[in-house]
Amino acid sequence: MTQPIPIRMGGYGPPTTGFSLALKRIGDTLATRFGDRVDVKYVWNIMDFGYRAEDILWLVESGVLTLGYQSSSYLTARVPELSFADLPFLFADTKAARAAIDGALGRRLAGAIEHKTGFRILGWYENGFRHISNRVRAIHTPADLKGIRIRVLPSKIHECTFASLGATPLVMDLTEAIRGIKDGTIDAQENPLANTLTYDIHKHHRFHTISRHFYVSRPIFLHRAAFDAWPADLQEAMREAVADSVTFQRGLHVEEEEAAARTIKATGGEIAELDAAQHDAFVAAVQPVLAEARELWGDDLFRLA
């Protein structure tokens, strides 16, 4: 009897998050269609087993896992072109961001990743717009960030952005950030509200600012050698299942953000919305970052956004 094809999918969040539910949707779809031809298993949160969040990358690239997701910022050191997607205030709203990521910009970035890694990129989950939370004071202007120690993703663009805003950026993995937030050695972090809630950061941070400073996507990557060796019908089914799961996950993300805002307020958190003038002040403060990006990439990538 032919052995079933193993498909091991993993992430770094509880099984109740939209990302985990999206993985389960992929697995259920494949199991229903292929039955005993596939053997689907999940590792919802690799951090439960002592791994760092960033370890999802090598776990998939080495073939320990078949499929995973991770914020694109974690790959910018290996794929410099991805840094473009890290630029502050790049997209006006979610509709514009999704159109770019699902269109020419996303295809170009996926190609760049595949060229420099062992991944096959099949789609992009939505981590969405990121906001600032902290334990020190309410943030309404860049001046309010002065001296605040904030954890940022491993991205030079993110680091330079918050330096331009007057904060002290600290580049570190999620596992380290959570420890630092809980013991008070880190003042602030930036994340979608749903992530802030998932990792219990709202229990330590009273102040939340809806800043929408970065829009981050999470590429869905597969171990390329394994995927490319699959029969054509399984490859096509995986592509279709991933596309379906992207639509599903993005819908859940909107719901999760709204629910997280309600929970943060209900547990004593303060959520500040920037008015137009305050938003413009943040945009003005990061102009040096955007200007440097235009010098580096010209107008080519900006036209795709």
Foldseek 3Di string as FASTA:
>chain_A
DDAAAEAEEEAAFDCPALQNVLVVLLVVLCCVVPPRNYDYDYHYRCVVVVDFRLVVQVCFQVPVHFKYKDWLQSCCVQQVVSLVQFAWPLDPAPVRVVPLCVDDNVVVSQVSDVVRGQWRWQGKAWQFFKWKFFAPDADQALVVQAAAEEEDENHPNRCVLNVLSRHHYDYDTPVVVLVCLVVVVHTMYMGQLLVCVRSVSLVRTQYIERQSTHTIIMTMIGRNVSLVPDPPVVNVSSSVSSVVSRVSSVVSSVVSSVVSVVVSVVVNHDYHYHDPVSNVNSVVSCVVSVVVVCVVVPCVSSVSD
